[in-house]
Amino acid sequence: MATAKKPAAKTAAKKPAAKKVAAKPAAKKAAPAKKAAPAKKAAAKPVAKKAAKPKTARKPNAAFMKPMTPSATLGAVIGANPLPRTEVTKKVWDYIKKNKLQDDANKRMINADDKLKAVFGGKKQVSMFEMTKLISNHLQ
């Protein structure tokens, strides 16, 4: 109890508001009971962490690594051979950067040339997030 009164006195010196000082002693009395319970939980948590630590190396999702065959229109941009989705996206980005098709004002937008316009469904400009959705329509 003596330790509980000392912090209350310090807070009274820092904050002259009487309402806050009156409310804090009530909270301080209940606080030691609450602090004791989380201490037990905190002791249990490191045990759980130690049990979970031996992890294996992260494996890529098999669905992303499955080779997909691009359509003829997408094949004109990245090639006709089957590739995983991740590689398709990389190749499309390589094509965009090589031909400087990224919008200068807004880098999230891609300006389509003739080949990409066919892939993007006739749209002149597409956001990079919409691009992946449109490309997935051309993969089988």
Protein backbone atom coordinates (compact mmCIF):
# COMPACT_ATOMS: atom_id res chain seq x y z
CA MET A 1 0.00 0.00 0.00
CA ALA A 2 2.86 2.37 0.77
CA THR A 3 4.20 1.98 -2.77
CA ALA A 4 0.77 2.63 -4.22
CA LYS A 5 0.54 6.00 -2.45
CA LYS A 6 3.93 7.24 -3.71
CA PRO A 7 3.04 7.02 -7.43
CA ALA A 8 -0.26 8.74 -6.67
CA ALA A 9 1.62 11.61 -5.05
CA LYS A 10 3.89 11.91 -8.10
CA THR A 11 0.97 12.02 -10.48
CA ALA A 12 -0.68 14.67 -8.33
CA ALA A 13 2.44 16.82 -8.68
CA LYS A 14 2.50 16.40 -12.45
CA LYS A 15 -1.22 16.81 -13.03
CA PRO A 16 -2.99 19.39 -10.85
CA ALA A 17 -6.47 18.30 -12.00
CA ALA A 18 -8.36 17.12 -8.90
CA LYS A 19 -10.73 14.83 -10.82
CA LYS A 20 -7.92 12.70 -12.22
CA VAL A 21 -6.18 12.41 -8.84
CA ALA A 22 -9.41 11.27 -7.20
CA ALA A 23 -10.02 8.63 -9.88
CA LYS A 24 -6.47 7.22 -9.86
CA PRO A 25 -6.31 5.94 -6.25
CA ALA A 26 -9.35 3.76 -6.96
CA ALA A 27 -7.64 2.41 -10.05
CA LYS A 28 -4.37 1.85 -8.17
CA LYS A 29 -6.08 -0.35 -5.58
CA ALA A 30 -7.44 -2.65 -8.27
CA ALA A 31 -4.23 -2.58 -10.32
CA PRO A 32 -2.07 -4.93 -8.18
CA ALA A 33 -4.64 -7.72 -8.54
CA LYS A 34 -4.68 -7.28 -12.33
CA LYS A 35 -0.88 -7.13 -12.56
CA ALA A 36 -0.52 -10.44 -10.75
CA ALA A 37 -2.68 -12.31 -13.27
CA PRO A 38 -0.84 -11.10 -16.44
CA ALA A 39 2.47 -11.99 -14.79
CA LYS A 40 1.38 -15.63 -14.73
CA LYS A 41 0.35 -15.45 -18.38
CA ALA A 42 3.65 -13.80 -19.31
CA ALA A 43 5.50 -16.69 -17.67
CA ALA A 44 3.48 -19.16 -19.74
CA LYS A 45 4.09 -17.34 -23.04
CA PRO A 46 7.87 -17.91 -23.29
CA VAL A 47 7.27 -21.64 -22.82
CA ALA A 48 4.88 -21.60 -25.77
CA LYS A 49 7.36 -19.60 -27.87
CA LYS A 50 10.16 -22.06 -27.18
CA ALA A 51 7.96 -24.92 -28.32
CA ALA A 52 7.06 -23.09 -31.54
CA LYS A 53 10.62 -21.99 -32.46
CA PRO A 54 11.85 -25.05 -34.37
CA LYS A 55 10.45 -24.00 -37.77
CA THR A 56 11.19 -25.52 -41.12
CA ALA A 57 12.17 -23.43 -44.12
CA ARG A 58 9.25 -21.62 -45.70
CA LYS A 59 7.87 -23.42 -48.74
CA PRO A 60 6.34 -21.49 -51.66
CA ASN A 61 2.67 -22.04 -52.37
CA ALA A 62 2.31 -24.82 -54.92
CA ALA A 63 -0.49 -22.99 -56.75
CA PHE A 64 1.82 -20.09 -57.56
CA MET A 65 4.62 -22.36 -58.72
CA LYS A 66 2.48 -24.48 -61.07
CA PRO A 67 3.43 -23.73 -64.70
CA MET A 68 0.59 -21.99 -66.54
CA THR A 69 0.23 -21.73 -70.31
CA PRO A 70 -0.22 -18.12 -71.50
CA SER A 71 -2.75 -17.24 -74.19
CA ALA A 72 -1.56 -16.17 -77.65
CA THR A 73 -1.98 -12.45 -76.83
CA LEU A 74 -0.02 -12.75 -73.57
CA GLY A 75 2.47 -15.04 -75.30
CA ALA A 76 3.35 -12.16 -77.66
CA VAL A 77 4.58 -10.23 -74.60
CA ILE A 78 6.26 -12.88 -72.42
CA GLY A 79 6.73 -15.91 -74.70
CA ALA A 80 4.60 -18.96 -75.35
CA ASN A 81 6.26 -21.47 -72.99
CA PRO A 82 4.48 -22.39 -69.69
CA LEU A 83 5.61 -20.36 -66.65
CA PRO A 84 4.56 -20.05 -62.99
CA ARG A 85 2.36 -17.05 -62.14
CA THR A 86 5.24 -15.34 -60.34
CA GLU A 87 7.47 -15.55 -63.40
CA VAL A 88 4.66 -14.31 -65.68
CA THR A 89 4.29 -11.19 -63.52
CA LYS A 90 8.07 -10.65 -63.52
CA LYS A 91 8.27 -10.95 -67.30
CA VAL A 92 5.37 -8.52 -67.81
CA TRP A 93 7.10 -6.01 -65.49
CA ASP A 94 10.36 -6.48 -67.42
CA TYR A 95 8.48 -5.70 -70.64
CA ILE A 96 6.85 -2.62 -69.07
CA LYS A 97 10.18 -1.26 -67.78
CA LYS A 98 12.05 -2.08 -71.00
CA ASN A 99 9.50 -0.16 -73.10
CA LYS A 100 9.03 2.60 -70.45
CA LEU A 101 5.27 2.04 -70.23
CA GLN A 102 4.92 3.08 -66.58
CA ASP A 103 3.16 6.46 -66.25
CA ASP A 104 5.57 9.26 -65.26
CA ALA A 105 3.06 11.20 -63.14
CA ASN A 106 1.48 8.21 -61.37
CA LYS A 107 3.84 5.21 -61.16
CA ARG A 108 0.96 2.90 -60.22
CA MET A 109 -0.52 3.25 -63.68
CA ILE A 110 0.69 1.38 -66.77
CA ASN A 111 0.21 2.85 -70.24
CA ALA A 112 -0.50 0.01 -72.65
CA ASP A 113 1.15 -0.29 -76.05
CA ASP A 114 -0.43 -2.35 -78.85
CA LYS A 115 0.64 -5.73 -77.42
CA LEU A 116 -0.43 -4.94 -73.86
CA LYS A 117 -3.70 -3.32 -74.97
CA ALA A 118 -4.79 -6.74 -76.27
CA VAL A 119 -3.88 -8.32 -72.91
CA PHE A 120 -5.62 -5.55 -70.93
CA GLY A 121 -8.87 -5.94 -72.86
CA GLY A 122 -8.51 -2.80 -74.98
CA LYS A 123 -7.80 -0.43 -72.06
CA LYS A 124 -5.19 2.29 -72.65
CA GLN A 125 -4.21 2.63 -68.99
CA VAL A 126 -4.42 0.09 -66.16
CA SER A 127 -3.35 0.19 -62.50
CA MET A 128 -0.66 -2.28 -61.45
CA PHE A 129 -3.18 -4.06 -59.20
CA GLU A 130 -5.73 -4.42 -61.98
CA MET A 131 -2.97 -5.63 -64.29
CA THR A 132 -2.46 -8.88 -62.36
CA LYS A 133 -6.20 -9.57 -62.47
CA LEU A 134 -6.30 -9.01 -66.23
CA ILE A 135 -3.22 -11.18 -66.79
CA SER A 136 -4.73 -14.07 -64.83
CA ASN A 137 -7.55 -14.19 -67.42
CA HIS A 138 -4.90 -15.07 -70.04
CA LEU A 139 -3.40 -18.00 -68.11
CA GLN A 140 -4.62 -21.59 -68.34
